[in-house]
């Protein structure tokens, strides 16, 4: 269930990133800021996912 939640989080951020890419009215600095936020969130989610799978294996 935790894995599904993480996956849906990744998918929603992917959709968000698609929206950001398509929003041509945003200037470049805003795009860079949003992209870095997206990458930070993605890495956090991936770390959480790996950590949770390691925890479930050890039990």
PDB file of N, CA and C in Angstrom:
ATOM      1  N   UNK A   1       0.837  -1.210   0.000  1.00  0.00           N
ATOM      2  CA  UNK A   1       0.000   0.000   0.000  1.00  0.00           C
ATOM      3  C   UNK A   1       0.874   1.264   0.000  1.00  0.00           C
ATOM      4  N   UNK A   2       1.940   1.231   0.797  1.00  0.00           N
ATOM      5  CA  UNK A   2       2.875   2.367   0.846  1.00  0.00           C
ATOM      6  C   UNK A   2       3.543   2.578  -0.510  1.00  0.00           C
ATOM      7  N   UNK A   3       3.844   1.459  -1.171  1.00  0.00           N
ATOM      8  CA  UNK A   3       4.472   1.505  -2.485  1.00  0.00           C
ATOM      9  C   UNK A   3       3.531   2.142  -3.504  1.00  0.00           C
ATOM     10  N   UNK A   4       2.247   1.775  -3.420  1.00  0.00           N
ATOM     11  CA  UNK A   4       1.226   2.342  -4.309  1.00  0.00           C
ATOM     12  C   UNK A   4       1.104   3.848  -4.083  1.00  0.00           C
ATOM     13  N   UNK A   5       1.119   4.246  -2.816  1.00  0.00           N
ATOM     14  CA  UNK A   5       1.056   5.670  -2.480  1.00  0.00           C
ATOM     15  C   UNK A   5       2.244   6.429  -3.065  1.00  0.00           C
ATOM     16  N   UNK A   6       3.434   5.860  -2.921  1.00  0.00           N
ATOM     17  CA  UNK A   6       4.646   6.481  -3.458  1.00  0.00           C
ATOM     18  C   UNK A   6       4.568   6.591  -4.973  1.00  0.00           C
ATOM     19  N   UNK A   7       4.060   5.522  -5.602  1.00  0.00           N
ATOM     20  CA  UNK A   7       3.932   5.511  -7.062  1.00  0.00           C
ATOM     21  C   UNK A   7       2.957   6.585  -7.533  1.00  0.00           C
ATOM     22  N   UNK A   8       1.834   6.702  -6.842  1.00  0.00           N
ATOM     23  CA  UNK A   8       0.852   7.726  -7.224  1.00  0.00           C
ATOM     24  C   UNK A   8       1.399   9.136  -6.992  1.00  0.00           C
ATOM     25  N   UNK A   9       2.236   9.276  -5.942  1.00  0.00           N
ATOM     26  CA  UNK A   9       2.916  10.556  -5.699  1.00  0.00           C
ATOM     27  C   UNK A   9       3.824  10.906  -6.874  1.00  0.00           C
ATOM     28  N   UNK A  10       4.597   9.923  -7.325  1.00  0.00           N
ATOM     29  CA  UNK A  10       5.505  10.120  -8.454  1.00  0.00           C
ATOM     30  C   UNK A  10       4.715  10.488  -9.710  1.00  0.00           C
ATOM     31  N   UNK A  11       3.614   9.771  -9.950  1.00  0.00           N
ATOM     32  CA  UNK A  11       2.797  10.034 -11.129  1.00  0.00           C
ATOM     33  C   UNK A  11       2.199  11.440 -11.090  1.00  0.00           C
ATOM     34  N   UNK A  12       1.723  11.855  -9.918  1.00  0.00           N
ATOM     35  CA  UNK A  12       1.132  13.194  -9.810  1.00  0.00           C
ATOM     36  C   UNK A  12       2.181  14.289 -10.021  1.00  0.00           C
ATOM     37  N   UNK A  13       3.405  14.064  -9.524  1.00  0.00           N
ATOM     38  CA  UNK A  13       4.472  15.043  -9.750  1.00  0.00           C
ATOM     39  C   UNK A  13       4.901  15.037 -11.214  1.00  0.00           C
ATOM     40  N   UNK A  14       4.809  13.858 -11.864  1.00  0.00           N
ATOM     41  CA  UNK A  14       5.125  13.764 -13.287  1.00  0.00           C
ATOM     42  C   UNK A  14       4.117  14.586 -14.099  1.00  0.00           C
ATOM     43  N   UNK A  15       2.851  14.456 -13.743  1.00  0.00           N
ATOM     44  CA  UNK A  15       1.792  15.232 -14.398  1.00  0.00           C
ATOM     45  C   UNK A  15       2.015  16.727 -14.173  1.00  0.00           C
ATOM     46  N   UNK A  16       2.380  17.067 -12.942  1.00  0.00           N
ATOM     47  CA  UNK A  16       2.670  18.458 -12.591  1.00  0.00           C
ATOM     48  C   UNK A  16       3.834  18.992 -13.427  1.00  0.00           C
ATOM     49  N   UNK A  17       4.858  18.163 -13.589  1.00  0.00           N
ATOM     50  CA  UNK A  17       6.016  18.561 -14.381  1.00  0.00           C
ATOM     51  C   UNK A  17       5.652  18.773 -15.847  1.00  0.00           C
ATOM     52  N   UNK A  18       4.765  17.900 -16.377  1.00  0.00           N
ATOM     53  CA  UNK A  18       4.268  18.065 -17.747  1.00  0.00           C
ATOM     54  C   UNK A  18       3.567  19.415 -17.897  1.00  0.00           C
ATOM     55  N   UNK A  19       2.763  19.736 -16.891  1.00  0.00           N
ATOM     56  CA  UNK A  19       2.049  21.019 -16.895  1.00  0.00           C
ATOM     57  C   UNK A  19       3.024  22.193 -16.886  1.00  0.00           C
ATOM     58  N   UNK A  20       4.062  22.076 -16.055  1.00  0.00           N
ATOM     59  CA  UNK A  20       5.089  23.123 -15.963  1.00  0.00           C
ATOM     60  C   UNK A  20       5.797  23.289 -17.312  1.00  0.00           C
ATOM     61  N   UNK A  21       6.115  22.175 -17.948  1.00  0.00           N
ATOM     62  CA  UNK A  21       6.792  22.203 -19.243  1.00  0.00           C
ATOM     63  C   UNK A  21       5.927  22.873 -20.308  1.00  0.00           C
ATOM     64  N   UNK A  22       4.623  22.637 -20.217  1.00  0.00           N
ATOM     65  CA  UNK A  22       3.695  23.193 -21.201  1.00  0.00           C
ATOM     66  C   UNK A  22       3.307  24.641 -20.915  1.00  0.00           C
ATOM     67  N   UNK A  23       3.579  25.101 -19.699  1.00  0.00           N
ATOM     68  CA  UNK A  23       3.226  26.475 -19.340  1.00  0.00           C
ATOM     69  C   UNK A  23       4.292  27.437 -19.869  1.00  0.00           C
ATOM     70  N   UNK A  24       4.161  27.798 -21.126  1.00  0.00           N
ATOM     71  CA  UNK A  24       5.170  28.621 -21.796  1.00  0.00           C
ATOM     72  C   UNK A  24       5.202  30.060 -21.289  1.00  0.00           C
ATOM     73  N   UNK A  25       4.135  30.475 -20.617  1.00  0.00           N
ATOM     74  CA  UNK A  25       4.089  31.838 -20.090  1.00  0.00           C
ATOM     75  C   UNK A  25       5.034  32.043 -18.903  1.00  0.00           C
ATOM     76  N   UNK A  26       5.481  30.935 -18.298  1.00  0.00           N
ATOM     77  CA  UNK A  26       6.436  31.054 -17.193  1.00  0.00           C
ATOM     78  C   UNK A  26       7.801  31.465 -17.736  1.00  0.00           C
ATOM     79  N   UNK A  27       8.465  32.359 -17.031  1.00  0.00           N
ATOM     80  CA  UNK A  27       9.810  32.712 -17.477  1.00  0.00           C
ATOM     81  C   UNK A  27      10.818  31.649 -17.023  1.00  0.00           C
ATOM     82  N   UNK A  28      12.017  31.716 -17.559  1.00  0.00           N
ATOM     83  CA  UNK A  28      13.020  30.666 -17.363  1.00  0.00           C
ATOM     84  C   UNK A  28      13.399  30.470 -15.897  1.00  0.00           C
ATOM     85  N   UNK A  29      13.568  31.545 -15.150  1.00  0.00           N
ATOM     86  CA  UNK A  29      13.966  31.407 -13.741  1.00  0.00           C
ATOM     87  C   UNK A  29      12.890  30.700 -12.918  1.00  0.00           C
ATOM     88  N   UNK A  30      11.619  30.992 -13.227  1.00  0.00           N
ATOM     89  CA  UNK A  30      10.513  30.302 -12.560  1.00  0.00           C
ATOM     90  C   UNK A  30      10.532  28.821 -12.909  1.00  0.00           C
ATOM     91  N   UNK A  31      10.784  28.515 -14.186  1.00  0.00           N
ATOM     92  CA  UNK A  31      10.855  27.119 -14.623  1.00  0.00           C
ATOM     93  C   UNK A  31      11.964  26.367 -13.892  1.00  0.00           C
ATOM     94  N   UNK A  32      13.117  27.006 -13.757  1.00  0.00           N
ATOM     95  CA  UNK A  32      14.249  26.380 -13.060  1.00  0.00           C
ATOM     96  C   UNK A  32      13.895  26.113 -11.601  1.00  0.00           C
ATOM     97  N   UNK A  33      13.270  27.091 -10.956  1.00  0.00           N
ATOM     98  CA  UNK A  33      12.874  26.940  -9.556  1.00  0.00           C
ATOM     99  C   UNK A  33      11.880  25.794  -9.387  1.00  0.00           C
ATOM    100  N   UNK A  34      10.883  25.744 -10.265  1.00  0.00           N
ATOM    101  CA  UNK A  34       9.870  24.690 -10.197  1.00  0.00           C
ATOM    102  C   UNK A  34      10.461  23.318 -10.510  1.00  0.00           C
ATOM    103  N   UNK A  35      11.368  23.271 -11.468  1.00  0.00           N
ATOM    104  CA  UNK A  35      12.018  22.010 -11.820  1.00  0.00           C
ATOM    105  C   UNK A  35      12.858  21.469 -10.677  1.00  0.00           C
ATOM    106  N   UNK A  36      13.584  22.356  -9.999  1.00  0.00           N
ATOM    107  CA  UNK A  36      14.396  21.912  -8.863  1.00  0.00           C
ATOM    108  C   UNK A  36      13.515  21.437  -7.716  1.00  0.00           C
ATOM    109  N   UNK A  37      12.383  22.113  -7.491  1.00  0.00           N
ATOM    110  CA  UNK A  37      11.411  21.666  -6.489  1.00  0.00           C
ATOM    111  C   UNK A  37      10.893  20.282  -6.835  1.00  0.00           C
ATOM    112  N   UNK A  38      10.573  20.078  -8.121  1.00  0.00           N
ATOM    113  CA  UNK A  38      10.101  18.785  -8.606  1.00  0.00           C
ATOM    114  C   UNK A  38      11.139  17.698  -8.353  1.00  0.00           C
ATOM    115  N   UNK A  39      12.398  17.978  -8.656  1.00  0.00           N
ATOM    116  CA  UNK A  39      13.472  17.004  -8.453  1.00  0.00           C
ATOM    117  C   UNK A  39      13.673  16.672  -6.980  1.00  0.00           C
ATOM    118  N   UNK A  40      13.588  17.690  -6.125  1.00  0.00           N
ATOM    119  CA  UNK A  40      13.705  17.477  -4.676  1.00  0.00           C
ATOM    120  C   UNK A  40      12.587  16.568  -4.181  1.00  0.00           C
ATOM    121  N   UNK A  41      11.350  16.860  -4.602  1.00  0.00           N
ATOM    122  CA  UNK A  41      10.203  16.040  -4.206  1.00  0.00           C
ATOM    123  C   UNK A  41      10.327  14.610  -4.708  1.00  0.00           C
ATOM    124  N   UNK A  42      10.791  14.462  -5.953  1.00  0.00           N
ATOM    125  CA  UNK A  42      10.953  13.142  -6.548  1.00  0.00           C
ATOM    126  C   UNK A  42      11.986  12.325  -5.790  1.00  0.00           C
ATOM    127  N   UNK A  43      13.134  12.936  -5.474  1.00  0.00           N
ATOM    128  CA  UNK A  43      14.179  12.215  -4.742  1.00  0.00           C
ATOM    129  C   UNK A  43      13.724  11.851  -3.336  1.00  0.00           C
ATOM    130  N   UNK A  44      12.983  12.754  -2.679  1.00  0.00           N
ATOM    131  CA  UNK A  44      12.418  12.460  -1.358  1.00  0.00           C
ATOM    132  C   UNK A  44      11.497  11.250  -1.423  1.00  0.00           C
ATOM    133  N   UNK A  45      10.641  11.228  -2.446  1.00  0.00           N
ATOM    134  CA  UNK A  45       9.687  10.134  -2.629  1.00  0.00           C
ATOM    135  C   UNK A  45      10.409   8.818  -2.887  1.00  0.00           C
ATOM    136  N   UNK A  46      11.435   8.855  -3.732  1.00  0.00           N
ATOM    137  CA  UNK A  46      12.204   7.651  -4.042  1.00  0.00           C
ATOM    138  C   UNK A  46      12.935   7.123  -2.814  1.00  0.00           C
ATOM    139  N   UNK A  47      13.528   8.019  -2.027  1.00  0.00           N
ATOM    140  CA  UNK A  47      14.218   7.627  -0.790  1.00  0.00           C
ATOM    141  C   UNK A  47      13.232   6.985   0.175  1.00  0.00           C
ATOM    142  N   UNK A  48      12.055   7.603   0.308  1.00  0.00           N
ATOM    143  CA  UNK A  48      11.000   7.077   1.175  1.00  0.00           C
ATOM    144  C   UNK A  48      10.586   5.675   0.724  1.00  0.00           C
ATOM    145  N   UNK A  49      10.446   5.524  -0.585  1.00  0.00           N
ATOM    146  CA  UNK A  49      10.046   4.252  -1.180  1.00  0.00           C
ATOM    147  C   UNK A  49      11.076   3.159  -0.883  1.00  0.00           C
ATOM    148  N   UNK A  50      12.342   3.464  -1.100  1.00  0.00           N
ATOM    149  CA  UNK A  50      13.433   2.515  -0.839  1.00  0.00           C
ATOM    150  C   UNK A  50      13.507   2.178   0.645  1.00  0.00           C
ATOM    151  N   UNK A  51      13.409   3.191   1.484  1.00  0.00           N
ATOM    152  CA  UNK A  51      13.463   3.017   2.931  1.00  0.00           C
ATOM    153  C   UNK A  51      12.338   2.105   3.417  1.00  0.00           C
ATOM    154  N   UNK A  52      11.125   2.336   2.897  1.00  0.00           N
ATOM    155  CA  UNK A  52       9.974   1.519   3.278  1.00  0.00           C
ATOM    156  C   UNK A  52      10.121   0.072   2.825  1.00  0.00           C
ATOM    157  N   UNK A  53      10.637  -0.141   1.630  1.00  0.00           N
ATOM    158  CA  UNK A  53      10.825  -1.508   1.139  1.00  0.00           C
ATOM    159  C   UNK A  53      11.903  -2.233   1.941  1.00  0.00           C
ATOM    160  N   UNK A  54      12.939  -1.502   2.371  1.00  0.00           N
ATOM    161  CA  UNK A  54      13.974  -2.086   3.225  1.00  0.00           C
ATOM    162  C   UNK A  54      13.399  -2.460   4.588  1.00  0.00           C
ATOM    163  N   UNK A  55      12.551  -1.606   5.127  1.00  0.00           N
ATOM    164  CA  UNK A  55      11.908  -1.872   6.411  1.00  0.00           C
ATOM    165  C   UNK A  55      11.024  -3.106   6.357  1.00  0.00           C
ATOM    166  N   UNK A  56      10.256  -3.241   5.281  1.00  0.00           N
ATOM    167  CA  UNK A  56       9.349  -4.383   5.163  1.00  0.00           C
ATOM    168  C   UNK A  56      10.123  -5.693   4.965  1.00  0.00           C
ATOM    169  N   UNK A  57      11.297  -5.614   4.332  1.00  0.00           N
ATOM    170  CA  UNK A  57      12.132  -6.813   4.156  1.00  0.00           C
ATOM    171  C   UNK A  57      12.728  -7.281   5.481  1.00  0.00           C
ATOM    172  N   UNK A  58      13.124  -6.334   6.322  1.00  0.00           N
ATOM    173  CA  UNK A  58      13.770  -6.680   7.594  1.00  0.00           C
ATOM    174  C   UNK A  58      12.793  -7.286   8.605  1.00  0.00           C
ATOM    175  N   UNK A  59      11.497  -6.997   8.434  1.00  0.00           N
ATOM    176  CA  UNK A  59      10.490  -7.530   9.362  1.00  0.00           C
ATOM    177  C   UNK A  59      10.228  -9.004   9.106  1.00  0.00           C
TER     178      UNK A  59
END
